[in-house]
PDB file of N, CA and C in Angstrom:
ATOM      1  N   MET A   1     -91.291 -69.119 -51.669  1.00  0.00           N
ATOM      2  CA  MET A   1     -92.030 -67.958 -51.194  1.00  0.00           C
ATOM      3  C   MET A   1     -93.054 -67.563 -52.253  1.00  0.00           C
ATOM      4  N   SER A   2     -94.254 -67.326 -51.823  1.00  0.00           N
ATOM      5  CA  SER A   2     -95.257 -66.861 -52.774  1.00  0.00           C
ATOM      6  C   SER A   2     -94.976 -65.411 -53.132  1.00  0.00           C
ATOM      7  N   LYS A   3     -95.363 -65.033 -54.327  1.00  0.00           N
ATOM      8  CA  LYS A   3     -95.117 -63.674 -54.798  1.00  0.00           C
ATOM      9  C   LYS A   3     -95.915 -62.685 -53.949  1.00  0.00           C
ATOM     10  N   PRO A   4     -95.298 -61.595 -53.474  1.00  0.00           N
ATOM     11  CA  PRO A   4     -96.003 -60.610 -52.663  1.00  0.00           C
ATOM     12  C   PRO A   4     -97.200 -60.024 -53.429  1.00  0.00           C
ATOM     13  N   ARG A   5     -98.210 -59.658 -52.687  1.00  0.00           N
ATOM     14  CA  ARG A   5     -99.401 -59.078 -53.311  1.00  0.00           C
ATOM     15  C   ARG A   5     -99.091 -57.631 -53.694  1.00  0.00           C
ATOM     16  N   ARG A   6     -98.487 -57.464 -54.853  1.00  0.00           N
ATOM     17  CA  ARG A   6     -98.013 -56.158 -55.309  1.00  0.00           C
ATOM     18  C   ARG A   6     -99.132 -55.146 -55.476  1.00  0.00           C
ATOM     19  N   LYS A   7    -100.368 -55.598 -55.668  1.00  0.00           N
ATOM     20  CA  LYS A   7    -101.451 -54.638 -55.889  1.00  0.00           C
ATOM     21  C   LYS A   7    -101.587 -53.664 -54.719  1.00  0.00           C
ATOM     22  N   TYR A   8    -101.204 -54.085 -53.512  1.00  0.00           N
ATOM     23  CA  TYR A   8    -101.305 -53.191 -52.368  1.00  0.00           C
ATOM     24  C   TYR A   8    -100.253 -52.097 -52.406  1.00  0.00           C
ATOM     25  N   LEU A   9     -99.241 -52.277 -53.238  1.00  0.00           N
ATOM     26  CA  LEU A   9     -98.174 -51.295 -53.315  1.00  0.00           C
ATOM     27  C   LEU A   9     -98.441 -50.252 -54.397  1.00  0.00           C
ATOM     28  N   ASN A  10     -99.542 -50.382 -55.094  1.00  0.00           N
ATOM     29  CA  ASN A  10     -99.855 -49.506 -56.212  1.00  0.00           C
ATOM     30  C   ASN A  10    -100.868 -48.447 -55.773  1.00  0.00           C
ATOM     31  N   ASN A  11    -100.447 -47.195 -55.729  1.00  0.00           N
ATOM     32  CA  ASN A  11    -101.319 -46.124 -55.255  1.00  0.00           C
ATOM     33  C   ASN A  11    -102.551 -45.940 -56.125  1.00  0.00           C
ATOM     34  N   THR A  12    -102.431 -46.133 -57.433  1.00  0.00           N
ATOM     35  CA  THR A  12    -103.581 -46.000 -58.328  1.00  0.00           C
ATOM     36  C   THR A  12    -104.638 -47.027 -57.961  1.00  0.00           C
ATOM     37  N   TYR A  13    -104.200 -48.246 -57.707  1.00  0.00           N
ATOM     38  CA  TYR A  13    -105.121 -49.310 -57.290  1.00  0.00           C
ATOM     39  C   TYR A  13    -105.803 -48.915 -55.979  1.00  0.00           C
ATOM     40  N   MET A  14    -105.015 -48.401 -55.038  1.00  0.00           N
ATOM     41  CA  MET A  14    -105.561 -48.038 -53.737  1.00  0.00           C
ATOM     42  C   MET A  14    -106.614 -46.932 -53.869  1.00  0.00           C
ATOM     43  N   LYS A  15    -106.348 -45.979 -54.712  1.00  0.00           N
ATOM     44  CA  LYS A  15    -107.302 -44.884 -54.910  1.00  0.00           C
ATOM     45  C   LYS A  15    -108.583 -45.387 -55.557  1.00  0.00           C
ATOM     46  N   LYS A  16    -108.426 -46.233 -56.568  1.00  0.00           N
ATOM     47  CA  LYS A  16    -109.562 -46.725 -57.336  1.00  0.00           C
ATOM     48  C   LYS A  16    -110.447 -47.672 -56.511  1.00  0.00           C
ATOM     49  N   VAL A  17    -109.823 -48.646 -55.861  1.00  0.00           N
ATOM     50  CA  VAL A  17    -110.584 -49.677 -55.162  1.00  0.00           C
ATOM     51  C   VAL A  17    -111.032 -49.240 -53.770  1.00  0.00           C
ATOM     52  N   PHE A  18    -110.148 -48.574 -53.038  1.00  0.00           N
ATOM     53  CA  PHE A  18    -110.455 -48.233 -51.657  1.00  0.00           C
ATOM     54  C   PHE A  18    -110.770 -46.753 -51.448  1.00  0.00           C
ATOM     55  N   GLY A  19    -110.676 -45.954 -52.502  1.00  0.00           N
ATOM     56  CA  GLY A  19    -110.900 -44.525 -52.347  1.00  0.00           C
ATOM     57  C   GLY A  19    -109.817 -43.875 -51.496  1.00  0.00           C
ATOM     58  N   TRP A  20    -108.621 -44.424 -51.558  1.00  0.00           N
ATOM     59  CA  TRP A  20    -107.504 -43.949 -50.757  1.00  0.00           C
ATOM     60  C   TRP A  20    -107.170 -42.498 -51.073  1.00  0.00           C
ATOM     61  N   LYS A  21    -107.025 -41.691 -50.034  1.00  0.00           N
ATOM     62  CA  LYS A  21    -106.721 -40.270 -50.227  1.00  0.00           C
ATOM     63  C   LYS A  21    -105.343 -39.891 -49.677  1.00  0.00           C
ATOM     64  N   GLY A  22    -104.738 -40.760 -48.937  1.00  0.00           N
ATOM     65  CA  GLY A  22    -103.432 -40.425 -48.380  1.00  0.00           C
ATOM     66  C   GLY A  22    -102.847 -41.572 -47.590  1.00  0.00           C
ATOM     67  N   GLU A  23    -101.611 -41.422 -47.173  1.00  0.00           N
ATOM     68  CA  GLU A  23    -100.861 -42.496 -46.535  1.00  0.00           C
ATOM     69  C   GLU A  23    -101.542 -43.048 -45.285  1.00  0.00           C
ATOM     70  N   LYS A  24    -102.188 -42.194 -44.494  1.00  0.00           N
ATOM     71  CA  LYS A  24    -102.794 -42.637 -43.239  1.00  0.00           C
ATOM     72  C   LYS A  24    -103.923 -43.640 -43.455  1.00  0.00           C
ATOM     73  N   GLU A  25    -104.552 -43.632 -44.624  1.00  0.00           N
ATOM     74  CA  GLU A  25    -105.705 -44.492 -44.872  1.00  0.00           C
ATOM     75  C   GLU A  25    -105.366 -45.780 -45.612  1.00  0.00           C
ATOM     76  N   VAL A  26    -104.090 -46.019 -45.893  1.00  0.00           N
ATOM     77  CA  VAL A  26    -103.707 -47.207 -46.646  1.00  0.00           C
ATOM     78  C   VAL A  26    -103.978 -48.447 -45.811  1.00  0.00           C
ATOM     79  N   PRO A  27    -104.679 -49.432 -46.356  1.00  0.00           N
ATOM     80  CA  PRO A  27    -104.817 -50.690 -45.627  1.00  0.00           C
ATOM     81  C   PRO A  27    -103.435 -51.271 -45.377  1.00  0.00           C
ATOM     82  N   ALA A  28    -103.251 -51.925 -44.269  1.00  0.00           N
ATOM     83  CA  ALA A  28    -101.937 -52.452 -43.905  1.00  0.00           C
ATOM     84  C   ALA A  28    -101.960 -53.975 -43.883  1.00  0.00           C
ATOM     85  N   PRO A  29    -101.927 -54.599 -45.051  1.00  0.00           N
ATOM     86  CA  PRO A  29    -101.981 -56.053 -45.080  1.00  0.00           C
ATOM     87  C   PRO A  29    -100.664 -56.720 -44.697  1.00  0.00           C
ATOM     88  N   PHE A  30     -99.583 -55.947 -44.617  1.00  0.00           N
ATOM     89  CA  PHE A  30     -98.276 -56.527 -44.324  1.00  0.00           C
ATOM     90  C   PHE A  30     -97.847 -56.191 -42.902  1.00  0.00           C
ATOM     91  N   VAL A  31     -97.308 -57.177 -42.223  1.00  0.00           N
ATOM     92  CA  VAL A  31     -96.639 -56.962 -40.946  1.00  0.00           C
ATOM     93  C   VAL A  31     -95.161 -57.180 -41.232  1.00  0.00           C
ATOM     94  N   TYR A  32     -94.342 -56.240 -40.791  1.00  0.00           N
ATOM     95  CA  TYR A  32     -92.905 -56.363 -41.031  1.00  0.00           C
ATOM     96  C   TYR A  32     -92.172 -56.480 -39.702  1.00  0.00           C
ATOM     97  N   VAL A  33     -91.008 -57.106 -39.766  1.00  0.00           N
ATOM     98  CA  VAL A  33     -90.147 -57.259 -38.606  1.00  0.00           C
ATOM     99  C   VAL A  33     -88.767 -56.782 -39.033  1.00  0.00           C
ATOM    100  N   LEU A  34     -88.265 -55.786 -38.342  1.00  0.00           N
ATOM    101  CA  LEU A  34     -86.930 -55.286 -38.673  1.00  0.00           C
ATOM    102  C   LEU A  34     -86.119 -55.130 -37.407  1.00  0.00           C
ATOM    103  N   GLN A  35     -84.816 -54.968 -37.583  1.00  0.00           N
ATOM    104  CA  GLN A  35     -83.932 -54.845 -36.436  1.00  0.00           C
ATOM    105  C   GLN A  35     -82.916 -53.741 -36.670  1.00  0.00           C
ATOM    106  N   CYS A  36     -82.674 -52.971 -35.624  1.00  0.00           N
ATOM    107  CA  CYS A  36     -81.612 -51.971 -35.650  1.00  0.00           C
ATOM    108  C   CYS A  36     -80.333 -52.696 -35.251  1.00  0.00           C
ATOM    109  N   PRO A  37     -79.334 -52.768 -36.149  1.00  0.00           N
ATOM    110  CA  PRO A  37     -78.124 -53.525 -35.841  1.00  0.00           C
ATOM    111  C   PRO A  37     -77.307 -52.949 -34.684  1.00  0.00           C
ATOM    112  N   LEU A  38     -77.440 -51.670 -34.430  1.00  0.00           N
ATOM    113  CA  LEU A  38     -76.657 -51.050 -33.365  1.00  0.00           C
ATOM    114  C   LEU A  38     -77.246 -51.354 -31.988  1.00  0.00           C
ATOM    115  N   THR A  39     -78.549 -51.155 -31.831  1.00  0.00           N
ATOM    116  CA  THR A  39     -79.200 -51.376 -30.535  1.00  0.00           C
ATOM    117  C   THR A  39     -79.693 -52.815 -30.372  1.00  0.00           C
ATOM    118  N   LYS A  40     -79.806 -53.546 -31.485  1.00  0.00           N
ATOM    119  CA  LYS A  40     -80.348 -54.912 -31.534  1.00  0.00           C
ATOM    120  C   LYS A  40     -81.859 -54.949 -31.272  1.00  0.00           C
ATOM    121  N   ARG A  41     -82.471 -53.804 -31.078  1.00  0.00           N
ATOM    122  CA  ARG A  41     -83.919 -53.776 -30.859  1.00  0.00           C
ATOM    123  C   ARG A  41     -84.659 -54.169 -32.128  1.00  0.00           C
ATOM    124  N   ILE A  42     -85.832 -54.750 -31.922  1.00  0.00           N
ATOM    125  CA  ILE A  42     -86.647 -55.267 -33.015  1.00  0.00           C
ATOM    126  C   ILE A  42     -87.945 -54.484 -33.078  1.00  0.00           C
ATOM    127  N   LYS A  43     -88.339 -54.123 -34.283  1.00  0.00           N
ATOM    128  CA  LYS A  43     -89.588 -53.389 -34.499  1.00  0.00           C
ATOM    129  C   LYS A  43     -90.572 -54.303 -35.214  1.00  0.00           C
ATOM    130  N   ILE A  44     -91.765 -54.397 -34.662  1.00  0.00           N
ATOM    131  CA  ILE A  44     -92.855 -55.126 -35.306  1.00  0.00           C
ATOM    132  C   ILE A  44     -93.873 -54.068 -35.697  1.00  0.00           C
ATOM    133  N   GLY A  45     -94.074 -53.894 -37.001  1.00  0.00           N
ATOM    134  CA  GLY A  45     -94.978 -52.860 -37.478  1.00  0.00           C
ATOM    135  C   GLY A  45     -95.846 -53.367 -38.610  1.00  0.00           C
ATOM    136  N   LYS A  46     -96.677 -52.480 -39.118  1.00  0.00           N
ATOM    137  CA  LYS A  46     -97.563 -52.823 -40.235  1.00  0.00           C
ATOM    138  C   LYS A  46     -97.478 -51.712 -41.258  1.00  0.00           C
ATOM    139  N   SER A  47     -97.696 -52.087 -42.503  1.00  0.00           N
ATOM    140  CA  SER A  47     -97.621 -51.101 -43.570  1.00  0.00           C
ATOM    141  C   SER A  47     -98.233 -51.666 -44.848  1.00  0.00           C
ATOM    142  N   GLY A  48     -98.765 -50.789 -45.656  1.00  0.00           N
ATOM    143  CA  GLY A  48     -99.205 -51.164 -46.995  1.00  0.00           C
ATOM    144  C   GLY A  48     -98.020 -51.287 -47.929  1.00  0.00           C
ATOM    145  N   ASN A  49     -96.895 -50.654 -47.560  1.00  0.00           N
ATOM    146  CA  ASN A  49     -95.677 -50.719 -48.359  1.00  0.00           C
ATOM    147  C   ASN A  49     -94.478 -50.790 -47.410  1.00  0.00           C
ATOM    148  N   PRO A  50     -94.115 -52.002 -46.974  1.00  0.00           N
ATOM    149  CA  PRO A  50     -93.060 -52.137 -45.971  1.00  0.00           C
ATOM    150  C   PRO A  50     -91.688 -51.622 -46.402  1.00  0.00           C
ATOM    151  N   LEU A  51     -91.386 -51.662 -47.691  1.00  0.00           N
ATOM    152  CA  LEU A  51     -90.072 -51.173 -48.123  1.00  0.00           C
ATOM    153  C   LEU A  51     -89.990 -49.652 -48.036  1.00  0.00           C
ATOM    154  N   THR A  52     -91.072 -48.974 -48.358  1.00  0.00           N
ATOM    155  CA  THR A  52     -91.109 -47.518 -48.183  1.00  0.00           C
ATOM    156  C   THR A  52     -91.013 -47.180 -46.703  1.00  0.00           C
ATOM    157  N   ARG A  53     -91.687 -47.968 -45.885  1.00  0.00           N
ATOM    158  CA  ARG A  53     -91.632 -47.748 -44.437  1.00  0.00           C
ATOM    159  C   ARG A  53     -90.207 -47.950 -43.918  1.00  0.00           C
ATOM    160  N   LEU A  54     -89.496 -48.930 -44.449  1.00  0.00           N
ATOM    161  CA  LEU A  54     -88.110 -49.170 -44.051  1.00  0.00           C
ATOM    162  C   LEU A  54     -87.253 -47.939 -44.318  1.00  0.00           C
ATOM    163  N   VAL A  55     -87.437 -47.329 -45.478  1.00  0.00           N
ATOM    164  CA  VAL A  55     -86.687 -46.114 -45.826  1.00  0.00           C
ATOM    165  C   VAL A  55     -87.015 -44.988 -44.839  1.00  0.00           C
ATOM    166  N   GLN A  56     -88.290 -44.856 -44.475  1.00  0.00           N
ATOM    167  CA  GLN A  56     -88.694 -43.821 -43.519  1.00  0.00           C
ATOM    168  C   GLN A  56     -88.056 -44.051 -42.148  1.00  0.00           C
ATOM    169  N   ILE A  57     -88.011 -45.291 -41.717  1.00  0.00           N
ATOM    170  CA  ILE A  57     -87.471 -45.613 -40.393  1.00  0.00           C
ATOM    171  C   ILE A  57     -85.967 -45.382 -40.343  1.00  0.00           C
ATOM    172  N   ARG A  58     -85.294 -45.523 -41.464  1.00  0.00           N
ATOM    173  CA  ARG A  58     -83.831 -45.319 -41.497  1.00  0.00           C
ATOM    174  C   ARG A  58     -83.434 -43.967 -40.943  1.00  0.00           C
ATOM    175  N   SER A  59     -84.257 -42.957 -41.160  1.00  0.00           N
ATOM    176  CA  SER A  59     -83.904 -41.619 -40.682  1.00  0.00           C
ATOM    177  C   SER A  59     -84.102 -41.471 -39.172  1.00  0.00           C
ATOM    178  N   HIS A  60     -84.735 -42.440 -38.528  1.00  0.00           N
ATOM    179  CA  HIS A  60     -84.999 -42.361 -37.088  1.00  0.00           C
ATOM    180  C   HIS A  60     -84.194 -43.384 -36.285  1.00  0.00           C
ATOM    181  N   CYS A  61     -83.352 -44.128 -36.955  1.00  0.00           N
ATOM    182  CA  CYS A  61     -82.614 -45.211 -36.316  1.00  0.00           C
ATOM    183  C   CYS A  61     -81.128 -44.855 -36.299  1.00  0.00           C
ATOM    184  N   PRO A  62     -80.407 -45.168 -35.220  1.00  0.00           N
ATOM    185  CA  PRO A  62     -78.986 -44.804 -35.158  1.00  0.00           C
ATOM    186  C   PRO A  62     -78.113 -45.534 -36.179  1.00  0.00           C
ATOM    187  N   ALA A  63     -78.598 -46.639 -36.715  1.00  0.00           N
ATOM    188  CA  ALA A  63     -77.902 -47.381 -37.777  1.00  0.00           C
ATOM    189  C   ALA A  63     -78.977 -47.891 -38.733  1.00  0.00           C
ATOM    190  N   PRO A  64     -78.662 -48.056 -40.011  1.00  0.00           N
ATOM    191  CA  PRO A  64     -79.691 -48.511 -40.952  1.00  0.00           C
ATOM    192  C   PRO A  64     -80.307 -49.843 -40.512  1.00  0.00           C
ATOM    193  N   PRO A  65     -81.629 -49.877 -40.311  1.00  0.00           N
ATOM    194  CA  PRO A  65     -82.275 -51.115 -39.875  1.00  0.00           C
ATOM    195  C   PRO A  65     -82.256 -52.174 -40.968  1.00  0.00           C
ATOM    196  N   VAL A  66     -82.375 -53.417 -40.535  1.00  0.00           N
ATOM    197  CA  VAL A  66     -82.355 -54.560 -41.436  1.00  0.00           C
ATOM    198  C   VAL A  66     -83.739 -55.206 -41.408  1.00  0.00           C
ATOM    199  N   MET A  67     -84.322 -55.402 -42.587  1.00  0.00           N
ATOM    200  CA  MET A  67     -85.618 -56.079 -42.679  1.00  0.00           C
ATOM    201  C   MET A  67     -85.375 -57.572 -42.460  1.00  0.00           C
ATOM    202  N   LEU A  68     -86.047 -58.127 -41.464  1.00  0.00           N
ATOM    203  CA  LEU A  68     -85.898 -59.548 -41.165  1.00  0.00           C
ATOM    204  C   LEU A  68     -86.973 -60.386 -41.846  1.00  0.00           C
ATOM    205  N   ALA A  69     -88.203 -59.873 -41.875  1.00  0.00           N
ATOM    206  CA  ALA A  69     -89.306 -60.638 -42.464  1.00  0.00           C
ATOM    207  C   ALA A  69     -90.467 -59.705 -42.780  1.00  0.00           C
ATOM    208  N   ILE A  70     -91.233 -60.101 -43.781  1.00  0.00           N
ATOM    209  CA  ILE A  70     -92.490 -59.426 -44.104  1.00  0.00           C
ATOM    210  C   ILE A  70     -93.548 -60.512 -44.175  1.00  0.00           C
ATOM    211  N   ILE A  71     -94.589 -60.336 -43.394  1.00  0.00           N
ATOM    212  CA  ILE A  71     -95.676 -61.309 -43.350  1.00  0.00           C
ATOM    213  C   ILE A  71     -96.837 -60.747 -44.147  1.00  0.00           C
ATOM    214  N   ASP A  72     -97.231 -61.475 -45.163  1.00  0.00           N
ATOM    215  CA  ASP A  72     -98.325 -61.064 -46.045  1.00  0.00           C
ATOM    216  C   ASP A  72     -99.601 -61.697 -45.521  1.00  0.00           C
ATOM    217  N   GLY A  73    -100.439 -60.887 -44.893  1.00  0.00           N
ATOM    218  CA  GLY A  73    -101.678 -61.410 -44.324  1.00  0.00           C
ATOM    219  C   GLY A  73    -102.868 -60.610 -44.783  1.00  0.00           C
ATOM    220  N   GLU A  74    -104.025 -61.125 -44.536  1.00  0.00           N
ATOM    221  CA  GLU A  74    -105.242 -60.424 -44.932  1.00  0.00           C
ATOM    222  C   GLU A  74    -105.515 -59.225 -44.032  1.00  0.00           C
ATOM    223  N   ASP A  75    -105.121 -59.295 -42.765  1.00  0.00           N
ATOM    224  CA  ASP A  75    -105.403 -58.206 -41.845  1.00  0.00           C
ATOM    225  C   ASP A  75    -104.193 -57.938 -40.960  1.00  0.00           C
ATOM    226  N   GLY A  76    -103.289 -57.135 -41.480  1.00  0.00           N
ATOM    227  CA  GLY A  76    -102.077 -56.801 -40.752  1.00  0.00           C
ATOM    228  C   GLY A  76    -102.347 -56.055 -39.467  1.00  0.00           C
ATOM    229  N   ASP A  77    -103.425 -55.277 -39.425  1.00  0.00           N
ATOM    230  CA  ASP A  77    -103.765 -54.531 -38.212  1.00  0.00           C
ATOM    231  C   ASP A  77    -103.997 -55.478 -37.039  1.00  0.00           C
ATOM    232  N   VAL A  78    -104.776 -56.527 -37.287  1.00  0.00           N
ATOM    233  CA  VAL A  78    -105.104 -57.484 -36.232  1.00  0.00           C
ATOM    234  C   VAL A  78    -103.856 -58.279 -35.834  1.00  0.00           C
ATOM    235  N   LEU A  79    -103.108 -58.762 -36.821  1.00  0.00           N
ATOM    236  CA  LEU A  79    -101.906 -59.548 -36.526  1.00  0.00           C
ATOM    237  C   LEU A  79    -100.893 -58.724 -35.745  1.00  0.00           C
ATOM    238  N   GLU A  80    -100.659 -57.494 -36.160  1.00  0.00           N
ATOM    239  CA  GLU A  80     -99.690 -56.644 -35.462  1.00  0.00           C
ATOM    240  C   GLU A  80    -100.121 -56.462 -34.007  1.00  0.00           C
ATOM    241  N   SER A  81    -101.373 -56.191 -33.786  1.00  0.00           N
ATOM    242  CA  SER A  81    -101.890 -55.993 -32.428  1.00  0.00           C
ATOM    243  C   SER A  81    -101.689 -57.249 -31.572  1.00  0.00           C
ATOM    244  N   LYS A  82    -101.969 -58.419 -32.144  1.00  0.00           N
ATOM    245  CA  LYS A  82    -101.787 -59.674 -31.410  1.00  0.00           C
ATOM    246  C   LYS A  82    -100.315 -59.918 -31.081  1.00  0.00           C
ATOM    247  N   LEU A  83     -99.440 -59.605 -32.029  1.00  0.00           N
ATOM    248  CA  LEU A  83     -98.005 -59.788 -31.790  1.00  0.00           C
ATOM    249  C   LEU A  83     -97.504 -58.835 -30.706  1.00  0.00           C
ATOM    250  N   HIS A  84     -97.945 -57.596 -30.759  1.00  0.00           N
ATOM    251  CA  HIS A  84     -97.547 -56.627 -29.732  1.00  0.00           C
ATOM    252  C   HIS A  84     -97.993 -57.101 -28.352  1.00  0.00           C
ATOM    253  N   ASP A  85     -99.210 -57.619 -28.284  1.00  0.00           N
ATOM    254  CA  ASP A  85     -99.727 -58.106 -27.004  1.00  0.00           C
ATOM    255  C   ASP A  85     -98.952 -59.346 -26.539  1.00  0.00           C
ATOM    256  N   HIS A  86     -98.675 -60.251 -27.462  1.00  0.00           N
ATOM    257  CA  HIS A  86     -97.980 -61.495 -27.118  1.00  0.00           C
ATOM    258  C   HIS A  86     -96.561 -61.232 -26.602  1.00  0.00           C
ATOM    259  N   PHE A  87     -95.873 -60.291 -27.224  1.00  0.00           N
ATOM    260  CA  PHE A  87     -94.479 -60.013 -26.856  1.00  0.00           C
ATOM    261  C   PHE A  87     -94.340 -58.785 -25.956  1.00  0.00           C
ATOM    262  N   LYS A  88     -95.407 -58.399 -25.263  1.00  0.00           N
ATOM    263  CA  LYS A  88     -95.394 -57.171 -24.463  1.00  0.00           C
ATOM    264  C   LYS A  88     -94.324 -57.176 -23.360  1.00  0.00           C
ATOM    265  N   SER A  89     -93.929 -58.347 -22.900  1.00  0.00           N
ATOM    266  CA  SER A  89     -92.900 -58.387 -21.854  1.00  0.00           C
ATOM    267  C   SER A  89     -91.534 -57.938 -22.384  1.00  0.00           C
ATOM    268  N   TYR A  90     -91.362 -57.936 -23.703  1.00  0.00           N
ATOM    269  CA  TYR A  90     -90.108 -57.496 -24.321  1.00  0.00           C
ATOM    270  C   TYR A  90     -90.172 -56.053 -24.831  1.00  0.00           C
ATOM    271  N   ARG A  91     -91.321 -55.414 -24.701  1.00  0.00           N
ATOM    272  CA  ARG A  91     -91.491 -54.066 -25.266  1.00  0.00           C
ATOM    273  C   ARG A  91     -90.609 -53.057 -24.536  1.00  0.00           C
ATOM    274  N   VAL A  92     -89.921 -52.254 -25.348  1.00  0.00           N
ATOM    275  CA  VAL A  92     -89.112 -51.157 -24.827  1.00  0.00           C
ATOM    276  C   VAL A  92     -89.962 -49.895 -24.849  1.00  0.00           C
ATOM    277  N   HIS A  93     -90.489 -49.587 -26.022  1.00  0.00           N
ATOM    278  CA  HIS A  93     -91.449 -48.494 -26.195  1.00  0.00           C
ATOM    279  C   HIS A  93     -92.083 -48.627 -27.569  1.00  0.00           C
ATOM    280  N   GLY A  94     -93.338 -48.213 -27.659  1.00  0.00           N
ATOM    281  CA  GLY A  94     -94.038 -48.247 -28.940  1.00  0.00           C
ATOM    282  C   GLY A  94     -94.007 -49.631 -29.578  1.00  0.00           C
ATOM    283  N   GLU A  95     -93.449 -49.699 -30.778  1.00  0.00           N
ATOM    284  CA  GLU A  95     -93.372 -50.948 -31.536  1.00  0.00           C
ATOM    285  C   GLU A  95     -91.996 -51.590 -31.463  1.00  0.00           C
ATOM    286  N   TRP A  96     -91.149 -51.122 -30.561  1.00  0.00           N
ATOM    287  CA  TRP A  96     -89.778 -51.621 -30.434  1.00  0.00           C
ATOM    288  C   TRP A  96     -89.670 -52.569 -29.253  1.00  0.00           C
ATOM    289  N   PHE A  97     -88.964 -53.692 -29.483  1.00  0.00           N
ATOM    290  CA  PHE A  97     -88.850 -54.752 -28.494  1.00  0.00           C
ATOM    291  C   PHE A  97     -87.393 -55.157 -28.313  1.00  0.00           C
ATOM    292  N   THR A  98     -87.052 -55.629 -27.106  1.00  0.00           N
ATOM    293  CA  THR A  98     -85.730 -56.204 -26.900  1.00  0.00           C
ATOM    294  C   THR A  98     -85.740 -57.607 -27.516  1.00  0.00           C
ATOM    295  N   PRO A  99     -84.601 -58.085 -27.983  1.00  0.00           N
ATOM    296  CA  PRO A  99     -84.560 -59.393 -28.639  1.00  0.00           C
ATOM    297  C   PRO A  99     -84.544 -60.544 -27.625  1.00  0.00           C
ATOM    298  N   GLY A 100     -85.647 -60.735 -26.938  1.00  0.00           N
ATOM    299  CA  GLY A 100     -85.757 -61.828 -25.970  1.00  0.00           C
ATOM    300  C   GLY A 100     -85.825 -63.183 -26.655  1.00  0.00           C
ATOM    301  N   PRO A 101     -85.588 -64.258 -25.907  1.00  0.00           N
ATOM    302  CA  PRO A 101     -85.523 -65.597 -26.502  1.00  0.00           C
ATOM    303  C   PRO A 101     -86.803 -66.021 -27.234  1.00  0.00           C
ATOM    304  N   GLU A 102     -87.956 -65.739 -26.661  1.00  0.00           N
ATOM    305  CA  GLU A 102     -89.213 -66.134 -27.315  1.00  0.00           C
ATOM    306  C   GLU A 102     -89.419 -65.358 -28.618  1.00  0.00           C
ATOM    307  N   LEU A 103     -89.114 -64.074 -28.598  1.00  0.00           N
ATOM    308  CA  LEU A 103     -89.249 -63.252 -29.802  1.00  0.00           C
ATOM    309  C   LEU A 103     -88.272 -63.715 -30.878  1.00  0.00           C
ATOM    310  N   LEU A 104     -87.035 -63.995 -30.503  1.00  0.00           N
ATOM    311  CA  LEU A 104     -86.043 -64.463 -31.475  1.00  0.00           C
ATOM    312  C   LEU A 104     -86.421 -65.822 -32.058  1.00  0.00           C
ATOM    313  N   ALA A 105     -86.985 -66.689 -31.235  1.00  0.00           N
ATOM    314  CA  ALA A 105     -87.422 -68.005 -31.730  1.00  0.00           C
ATOM    315  C   ALA A 105     -88.549 -67.843 -32.740  1.00  0.00           C
ATOM    316  N   TRP A 106     -89.482 -66.927 -32.470  1.00  0.00           N
ATOM    317  CA  TRP A 106     -90.578 -66.683 -33.412  1.00  0.00           C
ATOM    318  C   TRP A 106     -90.025 -66.142 -34.738  1.00  0.00           C
ATOM    319  N   ILE A 107     -89.112 -65.195 -34.658  1.00  0.00           N
ATOM    320  CA  ILE A 107     -88.531 -64.625 -35.872  1.00  0.00           C
ATOM    321  C   ILE A 107     -87.801 -65.707 -36.673  1.00  0.00           C
ATOM    322  N   ALA A 108     -87.091 -66.592 -35.991  1.00  0.00           N
ATOM    323  CA  ALA A 108     -86.372 -67.675 -36.667  1.00  0.00           C
ATOM    324  C   ALA A 108     -87.333 -68.616 -37.395  1.00  0.00           C
ATOM    325  N   SER A 109     -88.577 -68.680 -36.940  1.00  0.00           N
ATOM    326  CA  SER A 109     -89.565 -69.563 -37.582  1.00  0.00           C
ATOM    327  C   SER A 109     -90.165 -68.946 -38.840  1.00  0.00           C
ATOM    328  N   LEU A 110     -89.946 -67.644 -39.048  1.00  0.00           N
ATOM    329  CA  LEU A 110     -90.509 -66.948 -40.209  1.00  0.00           C
ATOM    330  C   LEU A 110     -89.649 -67.162 -41.445  1.00  0.00           C
ATOM    331  N   GLU A 111     -90.265 -66.990 -42.589  1.00  0.00           N
ATOM    332  CA  GLU A 111     -89.497 -67.015 -43.831  1.00  0.00           C
ATOM    333  C   GLU A 111     -88.686 -65.718 -43.890  1.00  0.00           C
ATOM    334  N   PRO A 112     -87.362 -65.822 -44.039  1.00  0.00           N
ATOM    335  CA  PRO A 112     -86.536 -64.611 -44.052  1.00  0.00           C
ATOM    336  C   PRO A 112     -86.912 -63.683 -45.214  1.00  0.00           C
ATOM    337  N   PHE A 113     -86.706 -62.414 -45.001  1.00  0.00           N
ATOM    338  CA  PHE A 113     -86.967 -61.408 -46.030  1.00  0.00           C
ATOM    339  C   PHE A 113     -86.090 -61.682 -47.243  1.00  0.00           C
ATOM    340  N   ASP A 114     -86.706 -61.682 -48.414  1.00  0.00           N
ATOM    341  CA  ASP A 114     -85.999 -61.907 -49.680  1.00  0.00           C
ATOM    342  C   ASP A 114     -86.122 -60.642 -50.519  1.00  0.00           C
ATOM    343  N   GLU A 115     -85.082 -59.836 -50.481  1.00  0.00           N
ATOM    344  CA  GLU A 115     -85.108 -58.552 -51.170  1.00  0.00           C
ATOM    345  C   GLU A 115     -85.346 -58.705 -52.668  1.00  0.00           C
ATOM    346  N   ALA A 116     -84.770 -59.733 -53.268  1.00  0.00           N
ATOM    347  CA  ALA A 116     -84.916 -59.962 -54.713  1.00  0.00           C
ATOM    348  C   ALA A 116     -86.381 -60.208 -55.094  1.00  0.00           C
ATOM    349  N   ALA A 117     -87.107 -60.937 -54.271  1.00  0.00           N
ATOM    350  CA  ALA A 117     -88.516 -61.213 -54.548  1.00  0.00           C
ATOM    351  C   ALA A 117     -89.354 -59.941 -54.490  1.00  0.00           C
ATOM    352  N   TRP A 118     -88.989 -59.045 -53.581  1.00  0.00           N
ATOM    353  CA  TRP A 118     -89.752 -57.801 -53.447  1.00  0.00           C
ATOM    354  C   TRP A 118     -89.366 -56.772 -54.502  1.00  0.00           C
ATOM    355  N   ALA A 119     -88.138 -56.877 -54.999  1.00  0.00           N
ATOM    356  CA  ALA A 119     -87.699 -55.921 -56.019  1.00  0.00           C
ATOM    357  C   ALA A 119     -88.291 -56.233 -57.392  1.00  0.00           C
ATOM    358  N   ALA A 120     -88.724 -57.467 -57.578  1.00  0.00           N
ATOM    359  CA  ALA A 120     -89.259 -57.899 -58.890  1.00  0.00           C
ATOM    360  C   ALA A 120     -90.585 -57.236 -59.209  1.00  0.00           C
TER     361      ALA A 120
END
């Protein structure tokens, strides 16, 4: 696994380079895939800091969600939109999807989330 682009996780960098003023304006180069173990539903989202987003989602999920994968791309906004459109037949609401066979096969093709690599 290539080392995550940590510069996107640094608020000072974001302020200096992008003139970032708050969370809503953070570029979202990462697309994350997580699953609620209780409902089995899968969330496909985007974030400049997927681990912080995971913590935020924990308070809205009936059981602590599990990060399945983080995709490091140049344009997470575009990728997330394409994924939502591609898997729309599995959409429950918003960014949450039922674990249909095509969606599960795609997730299985991804590099699994490596917490140790992100903690470094």
